[in-house]
Amino acid sequence: MRIGELAARAGVSVRSLRYYEQQRLLTSTRTPSGQRQYTEHDVDRVHFIQGLYAANLSSGTIAELMPCRDAPSEHNSDATLERLARERERITAQIDDLLRARDTLDRLVAAARAYRESLLHSAPVADESAVTQNSTPLSPVPASG
């Protein structure tokens, strides 16, 4: 089958298939006129690749995992399990970092809301020095509304 048919059957773009070939995740044969030709097996392979991308794996990592699919063996299986465990640890660390960032943002939002509320309930200040003394680290945050 040609690249367009593989793309349609696998639910990906032609550009993605070309990228997979560039990354050595997918191979094709060429017709004498240079057109790519794929087999029925390649539809499943593309689905497999898409599943690994959905797990937030890089093309380099996916290439490391392909021997387990292409040449199943105890060694390849062990290597795949080890690599997947490392990827899971990496993703867990990213999640932890994102949770810390979210917690920090929550504290900043709470401080900014409190500051905004204090602006709404405080009397206008006529003296410039009083504004400087009453400012908080978040005072540059513009009040919305």
Protein backbone atom coordinates (compact mmCIF):
# COMPACT_ATOMS: atom_id res chain seq x y z
CA MET A 1 0.00 0.00 0.00
CA ARG A 2 1.11 3.58 -0.60
CA ILE A 3 1.87 6.14 2.08
CA GLY A 4 -1.51 7.87 1.79
CA GLU A 5 -3.40 4.63 2.32
CA LEU A 6 -1.25 3.71 5.32
CA ALA A 7 -1.84 7.16 6.77
CA ALA A 8 -5.60 6.84 6.33
CA ARG A 9 -5.76 3.31 7.74
CA ALA A 10 -3.52 4.08 10.69
CA GLY A 11 -5.17 7.43 11.43
CA VAL A 12 -2.02 9.52 11.15
CA SER A 13 -0.72 12.11 8.73
CA VAL A 14 1.57 11.36 5.81
CA ARG A 15 4.01 13.77 7.43
CA SER A 16 4.04 11.61 10.59
CA LEU A 17 4.86 8.52 8.55
CA ARG A 18 7.74 10.31 6.86
CA TYR A 19 8.98 11.40 10.28
CA TYR A 20 8.77 7.82 11.58
CA GLU A 21 10.90 6.71 8.65
CA GLN A 22 13.39 9.49 9.30
CA GLN A 23 13.62 8.33 12.93
CA ARG A 24 14.05 4.72 11.75
CA LEU A 25 10.85 3.61 13.47
CA LEU A 26 9.22 2.55 10.20
CA THR A 27 10.66 1.28 6.95
CA SER A 28 9.27 1.05 3.47
CA THR A 29 10.30 -0.40 0.18
CA ARG A 30 10.45 1.83 -2.89
CA THR A 31 8.94 1.29 -6.28
CA PRO A 32 11.14 1.93 -9.32
CA SER A 33 9.56 5.40 -9.49
CA GLY A 34 10.52 6.06 -5.84
CA GLN A 35 7.10 5.74 -4.21
CA ARG A 36 7.01 4.27 -0.72
CA GLN A 37 5.29 0.91 -0.31
CA TYR A 38 4.10 -0.53 3.00
CA THR A 39 2.64 -3.82 4.17
CA GLU A 40 -0.40 -4.68 6.26
CA HIS A 41 2.00 -5.24 9.17
CA ASP A 42 2.92 -1.54 9.05
CA VAL A 43 -0.61 -0.49 10.08
CA ASP A 44 -0.14 -2.32 13.39
CA ARG A 45 3.39 -0.97 13.72
CA VAL A 46 2.16 2.61 13.34
CA HIS A 47 -0.54 1.97 15.97
CA PHE A 48 2.17 0.62 18.28
CA ILE A 49 4.34 3.69 17.68
CA GLN A 50 1.36 5.97 18.32
CA GLY A 51 0.71 4.19 21.61
CA LEU A 52 4.27 4.81 22.70
CA TYR A 53 4.05 8.47 21.73
CA ALA A 54 0.81 8.68 23.73
CA ALA A 55 2.85 7.51 26.74
CA ASN A 56 5.01 10.64 26.24
CA LEU A 57 8.01 8.68 24.98
CA SER A 58 10.48 10.29 22.61
CA SER A 59 11.30 8.89 19.20
CA GLY A 60 14.73 7.92 20.52
CA THR A 61 13.20 5.95 23.36
CA ILE A 62 10.70 4.34 21.00
CA ALA A 63 13.59 3.25 18.76
CA GLU A 64 15.21 1.60 21.80
CA LEU A 65 11.98 -0.31 22.49
CA MET A 66 11.37 -1.57 18.95
CA PRO A 67 13.69 -4.61 19.21
CA CYS A 68 11.28 -6.11 21.75
CA ARG A 69 8.54 -5.95 19.11
CA ASP A 70 10.72 -6.83 16.11
CA ALA A 71 12.83 -9.59 17.67
CA PRO A 72 11.14 -10.82 20.85
CA SER A 73 13.55 -12.41 23.29
CA GLU A 74 14.12 -12.58 27.00
CA HIS A 75 16.98 -10.08 26.68
CA ASN A 76 14.94 -7.61 24.60
CA SER A 77 12.00 -7.98 26.95
CA ASP A 78 14.17 -7.30 29.99
CA ALA A 79 15.72 -4.26 28.30
CA THR A 80 12.26 -2.95 27.42
CA LEU A 81 10.96 -3.41 30.96
CA GLU A 82 13.99 -1.58 32.37
CA ARG A 83 13.60 1.27 29.88
CA LEU A 84 9.88 1.61 30.56
CA ALA A 85 10.54 1.71 34.31
CA ARG A 86 13.05 4.55 33.79
CA GLU A 87 10.54 6.42 31.65
CA ARG A 88 7.89 6.00 34.32
CA GLU A 89 10.29 7.42 36.92
CA ARG A 90 11.01 10.37 34.61
CA ILE A 91 7.32 11.08 34.14
CA THR A 92 6.66 10.75 37.88
CA ALA A 93 9.40 13.32 38.54
CA GLN A 94 7.79 15.65 35.97
CA ILE A 95 4.43 15.21 37.69
CA ASP A 96 6.00 16.02 41.05
CA ASP A 97 7.59 19.15 39.56
CA LEU A 98 4.27 20.20 38.05
CA LEU A 99 2.46 19.64 41.35
CA ARG A 100 5.01 21.83 43.15
CA ALA A 101 4.62 24.49 40.47
CA ARG A 102 0.83 24.33 40.79
CA ASP A 103 1.06 24.66 44.57
CA THR A 104 3.31 27.69 44.18
CA LEU A 105 0.85 29.22 41.71
CA ASP A 106 -2.01 28.55 44.12
CA ARG A 107 -0.14 30.45 46.84
CA LEU A 108 0.60 33.31 44.44
CA VAL A 109 -3.03 33.48 43.32
CA ALA A 110 -4.20 33.52 46.95
CA ALA A 111 -1.73 36.30 47.79
CA ALA A 112 -2.74 38.30 44.72
CA ARG A 113 -6.44 37.91 45.57
CA ALA A 114 -5.82 38.97 49.16
CA TYR A 115 -3.86 41.97 47.96
CA ARG A 116 -6.62 42.88 45.51
CA GLU A 117 -9.20 42.62 48.28
CA SER A 118 -7.07 44.88 50.48
CA LEU A 119 -7.07 47.45 47.66
CA LEU A 120 -10.85 47.35 47.46
CA HIS A 121 -11.29 47.83 51.21
CA SER A 122 -8.56 50.38 51.93
CA ALA A 123 -8.93 54.14 51.79
CA PRO A 124 -7.08 56.00 49.02
CA VAL A 125 -3.64 57.14 50.10
CA ALA A 126 -2.66 60.73 49.40
CA ASP A 127 0.96 60.40 50.45
CA GLU A 128 3.32 58.63 47.98
CA SER A 129 5.56 57.34 50.80
CA ALA A 130 2.57 55.54 52.34
CA VAL A 131 2.02 53.66 49.07
CA THR A 132 5.62 52.47 49.10
CA GLN A 133 5.40 51.38 52.75
CA ASN A 134 2.13 49.49 52.18
CA SER A 135 3.19 47.71 48.99
CA THR A 136 3.67 43.96 48.93
CA PRO A 137 5.87 41.85 46.67
CA LEU A 138 2.77 41.22 44.58
CA SER A 139 1.69 44.84 44.32
CA PRO A 140 2.70 45.04 40.63
CA VAL A 141 0.09 42.36 39.86
CA PRO A 142 -2.69 44.22 38.02
CA ALA A 143 -6.15 43.81 39.46
CA SER A 144 -8.60 42.35 36.98
CA GLY A 145 -12.16 43.42 36.77
